[in-house]
Amino acid sequence: MATRTLKETVMHDHREIKLFYDQYKNAADAESKEKWSNQYTWVVTRHSVSEEIVVYPLFEKKLGEEGKKMADKDRTEHREVKVLLARVGNLSVGTPEHENVLSKVNDVLAEHMKGEEEHDLPLLESKLQTEESYNAEREFQRTKALAPTRPHPTAPDKPPYEILAGFLALPMDKIKDLFSKFPTEEEIKAAKGKAGI
């Protein structure tokens, strides 16, 4: 895989998040909806935790007071998403309530991602040296690999406590994932191929 900047990787994740929500919305049957809802939750959760551990501390470090305000705002939006996703996990897929709550998650995320893509990430990238951005991107990817896969709205959302909470939650999340339905790798690859991701 070619080396990406931090901004490019975060935006790539955003495209995946949008794609998986669209797959959920367009799914023809309850089982497919369940698989794509689970995939959406899985990707959003891992992405959000990685932003909180890697990206938001960079906002604070590189952008001073403005960066702190950006990070605080983004953490608040993430908290709202985590609360909603935790609710989604307790609802039956296909019910009107599940549809409404997942739609609300998508609405909050769409606005959040737009702000990051149009303002926050370009501003951060302007303050990072190229090598710093590549290093942050690698750290972001490593963090995603170790991040919880389910929302934990009451867990800390700042390092170092978030890192510890994530490590403690991960084994239970993985056990739950074993008993959940997800799209196959082939289904994910086909969806990404159609979307050009």
Protein backbone atom coordinates (compact mmCIF):
# COMPACT_ATOMS: atom_id res chain seq x y z
CA MET A 1 0.00 0.00 0.00
CA ALA A 2 1.26 3.45 -0.89
CA THR A 3 2.14 5.79 1.93
CA ARG A 4 -0.66 8.16 2.84
CA THR A 5 -0.74 11.29 4.88
CA LEU A 6 -2.80 11.33 8.05
CA LYS A 7 -5.42 13.49 6.33
CA GLU A 8 -5.68 11.06 3.39
CA THR A 9 -6.19 8.06 5.67
CA VAL A 10 -8.80 9.77 7.84
CA MET A 11 -10.68 10.86 4.72
CA HIS A 12 -10.43 7.33 3.30
CA ASP A 13 -12.02 6.04 6.50
CA HIS A 14 -14.76 8.65 6.12
CA ARG A 15 -15.54 7.32 2.62
CA GLU A 16 -15.75 3.79 4.04
CA ILE A 17 -18.09 4.95 6.80
CA LYS A 18 -20.38 6.61 4.24
CA LEU A 19 -20.24 3.53 2.02
CA PHE A 20 -21.14 1.10 4.81
CA TYR A 21 -24.10 3.25 5.84
CA ASP A 22 -25.29 3.30 2.21
CA GLN A 23 -24.90 -0.49 2.06
CA TYR A 24 -27.05 -0.75 5.18
CA LYS A 25 -29.71 1.58 3.76
CA ASN A 26 -29.79 -0.29 0.43
CA ALA A 27 -29.78 -3.82 1.91
CA ALA A 28 -32.76 -5.81 0.69
CA ASP A 29 -33.27 -8.13 3.66
CA ALA A 30 -32.96 -8.15 7.45
CA GLU A 31 -29.83 -10.32 7.52
CA SER A 32 -27.98 -8.00 5.12
CA LYS A 33 -29.10 -4.96 7.10
CA GLU A 34 -27.78 -6.57 10.28
CA LYS A 35 -24.40 -7.35 8.69
CA TRP A 36 -23.94 -3.82 7.33
CA SER A 37 -25.17 -2.21 10.56
CA ASN A 38 -22.55 -4.23 12.47
CA GLN A 39 -19.84 -3.32 9.94
CA TYR A 40 -20.77 0.35 10.18
CA THR A 41 -20.60 0.28 13.98
CA TRP A 42 -17.29 -1.61 13.89
CA VAL A 43 -15.64 0.86 11.51
CA VAL A 44 -17.03 3.99 13.17
CA THR A 45 -15.94 2.82 16.63
CA ARG A 46 -12.37 1.93 15.64
CA HIS A 47 -12.01 5.12 13.61
CA SER A 48 -13.35 7.33 16.41
CA VAL A 49 -11.08 5.86 19.07
CA SER A 50 -8.08 6.24 16.76
CA GLU A 51 -8.91 9.90 16.15
CA GLU A 52 -9.21 10.48 19.89
CA ILE A 53 -5.87 8.83 20.62
CA VAL A 54 -3.83 10.09 17.65
CA VAL A 55 -5.46 13.02 15.84
CA TYR A 56 -6.98 15.11 18.62
CA PRO A 57 -3.78 15.24 20.70
CA LEU A 58 -2.06 16.49 17.52
CA PHE A 59 -4.70 19.23 17.20
CA GLU A 60 -3.87 20.30 20.75
CA LYS A 61 -0.10 20.06 20.30
CA LYS A 62 0.20 21.69 16.86
CA LEU A 63 -2.68 24.18 16.84
CA GLY A 64 -2.64 25.57 20.37
CA GLU A 65 -5.86 26.98 21.81
CA GLU A 66 -7.75 26.61 18.53
CA GLY A 67 -6.65 22.97 18.36
CA LYS A 68 -7.86 22.36 21.91
CA LYS A 69 -11.27 23.81 21.02
CA MET A 70 -11.41 21.65 17.87
CA ALA A 71 -10.47 18.52 19.83
CA ASP A 72 -13.03 19.25 22.57
CA LYS A 73 -15.78 19.81 19.99
CA ASP A 74 -14.87 16.62 18.13
CA ARG A 75 -14.75 14.57 21.33
CA THR A 76 -18.22 15.85 22.24
CA GLU A 77 -19.53 14.80 18.82
CA HIS A 78 -17.88 11.39 19.21
CA ARG A 79 -19.48 10.97 22.63
CA GLU A 80 -22.90 11.60 21.07
CA VAL A 81 -22.17 9.04 18.34
CA LYS A 82 -21.01 6.45 20.90
CA VAL A 83 -24.17 6.89 22.98
CA LEU A 84 -26.33 6.48 19.87
CA LEU A 85 -24.36 3.48 18.59
CA ALA A 86 -24.64 1.80 21.99
CA ARG A 87 -28.41 2.24 21.67
CA VAL A 88 -28.33 0.80 18.14
CA GLY A 89 -26.60 -2.30 19.52
CA ASN A 90 -29.58 -2.94 21.79
CA LEU A 91 -32.25 -2.54 19.10
CA SER A 92 -33.59 -5.09 16.64
CA VAL A 93 -32.34 -4.41 13.14
CA GLY A 94 -35.08 -3.35 10.76
CA THR A 95 -37.33 -1.80 13.39
CA PRO A 96 -38.30 1.85 12.95
CA GLU A 97 -36.39 2.78 16.11
CA HIS A 98 -33.20 1.10 14.84
CA GLU A 99 -33.56 2.90 11.51
CA ASN A 100 -34.14 6.26 13.22
CA VAL A 101 -31.24 5.97 15.65
CA LEU A 102 -28.79 4.78 12.98
CA SER A 103 -29.98 7.61 10.72
CA LYS A 104 -29.28 10.07 13.56
CA VAL A 105 -25.77 8.59 13.95
CA ASN A 106 -25.20 9.09 10.24
CA ASP A 107 -26.45 12.69 10.37
CA VAL A 108 -24.17 13.57 13.30
CA LEU A 109 -21.20 11.86 11.63
CA ALA A 110 -21.82 13.51 8.25
CA GLU A 111 -21.62 16.96 9.82
CA HIS A 112 -18.63 15.94 11.97
CA MET A 113 -16.71 14.47 9.02
CA LYS A 114 -17.46 17.52 6.87
CA GLY A 115 -15.95 19.80 9.52
CA GLU A 116 -12.86 17.63 9.82
CA GLU A 117 -12.35 17.39 6.07
CA GLU A 118 -12.98 21.06 5.25
CA HIS A 119 -11.33 22.72 8.25
CA ASP A 120 -9.65 20.60 10.93
CA LEU A 121 -7.52 18.21 8.87
CA PRO A 122 -6.26 20.77 6.31
CA LEU A 123 -5.29 23.07 9.18
CA LEU A 124 -3.46 20.25 10.97
CA GLU A 125 -1.68 19.08 7.80
CA SER A 126 -0.45 22.65 7.21
CA LYS A 127 1.39 22.43 10.56
CA LEU A 128 2.84 18.93 10.08
CA GLN A 129 6.05 18.11 8.27
CA THR A 130 5.52 15.41 5.63
CA GLU A 131 7.33 12.79 7.70
CA GLU A 132 5.30 13.75 10.79
CA SER A 133 2.09 13.18 8.83
CA TYR A 134 3.28 9.79 7.59
CA ASN A 135 4.31 8.78 11.11
CA ALA A 136 0.96 9.92 12.53
CA GLU A 137 -0.82 7.95 9.79
CA ARG A 138 1.05 4.78 10.74
CA GLU A 139 0.23 5.36 14.42
CA PHE A 140 -3.43 5.92 13.47
CA GLN A 141 -3.51 2.59 11.59
CA ARG A 142 -1.82 0.71 14.45
CA THR A 143 -4.26 2.22 16.93
CA LYS A 144 -7.23 1.14 14.80
CA ALA A 145 -5.92 -2.43 14.84
CA LEU A 146 -5.98 -2.42 18.66
CA ALA A 147 -9.07 -0.26 19.21
CA PRO A 148 -12.34 -1.53 20.67
CA THR A 149 -14.89 -2.62 18.07
CA ARG A 150 -17.98 -1.61 20.05
CA PRO A 151 -18.95 1.78 21.42
CA HIS A 152 -18.17 2.44 25.09
CA PRO A 153 -19.74 5.84 25.77
CA THR A 154 -18.70 5.93 29.43
CA ALA A 155 -15.03 5.13 28.73
CA PRO A 156 -12.44 7.92 28.88
CA ASP A 157 -11.92 9.72 25.56
CA LYS A 158 -8.42 11.12 26.11
CA PRO A 159 -5.06 9.36 26.29
CA PRO A 160 -3.64 7.71 28.32
CA TYR A 161 -6.83 6.49 30.02
CA GLU A 162 -8.63 5.85 26.74
CA ILE A 163 -5.80 3.57 25.64
CA LEU A 164 -6.08 1.51 28.83
CA ALA A 165 -9.89 1.38 28.63
CA GLY A 166 -9.65 0.28 25.00
CA PHE A 167 -7.26 -2.55 25.79
CA LEU A 168 -9.55 -3.72 28.59
CA ALA A 169 -12.67 -3.59 26.39
CA LEU A 170 -11.16 -5.22 23.31
CA PRO A 171 -11.32 -8.88 24.43
CA MET A 172 -15.04 -8.62 25.29
CA ASP A 173 -15.74 -6.80 22.04
CA LYS A 174 -13.95 -9.53 20.08
CA ILE A 175 -16.04 -12.22 21.80
CA LYS A 176 -19.24 -10.35 20.92
CA ASP A 177 -18.00 -9.97 17.33
CA LEU A 178 -17.63 -13.76 17.07
CA PHE A 179 -21.37 -14.12 17.58
CA SER A 180 -22.38 -11.22 15.32
CA LYS A 181 -23.02 -11.22 11.59
CA PHE A 182 -20.76 -9.15 9.35
CA PRO A 183 -20.42 -8.86 5.57
CA THR A 184 -17.86 -11.22 4.08
CA GLU A 185 -14.54 -9.90 2.82
CA GLU A 186 -15.87 -10.48 -0.70
CA GLU A 187 -18.98 -8.39 -0.01
CA ILE A 188 -16.87 -5.58 1.43
CA LYS A 189 -14.44 -5.73 -1.49
CA ALA A 190 -17.31 -5.67 -4.01
CA ALA A 191 -18.93 -2.67 -2.29
CA LYS A 192 -15.62 -0.80 -2.21
CA GLY A 193 -14.95 -1.66 -5.84
CA LYS A 194 -18.31 -0.27 -6.95
CA ALA A 195 -17.67 2.89 -4.92
CA GLY A 196 -14.11 3.28 -6.19
CA ILE A 197 -12.58 3.06 -2.72
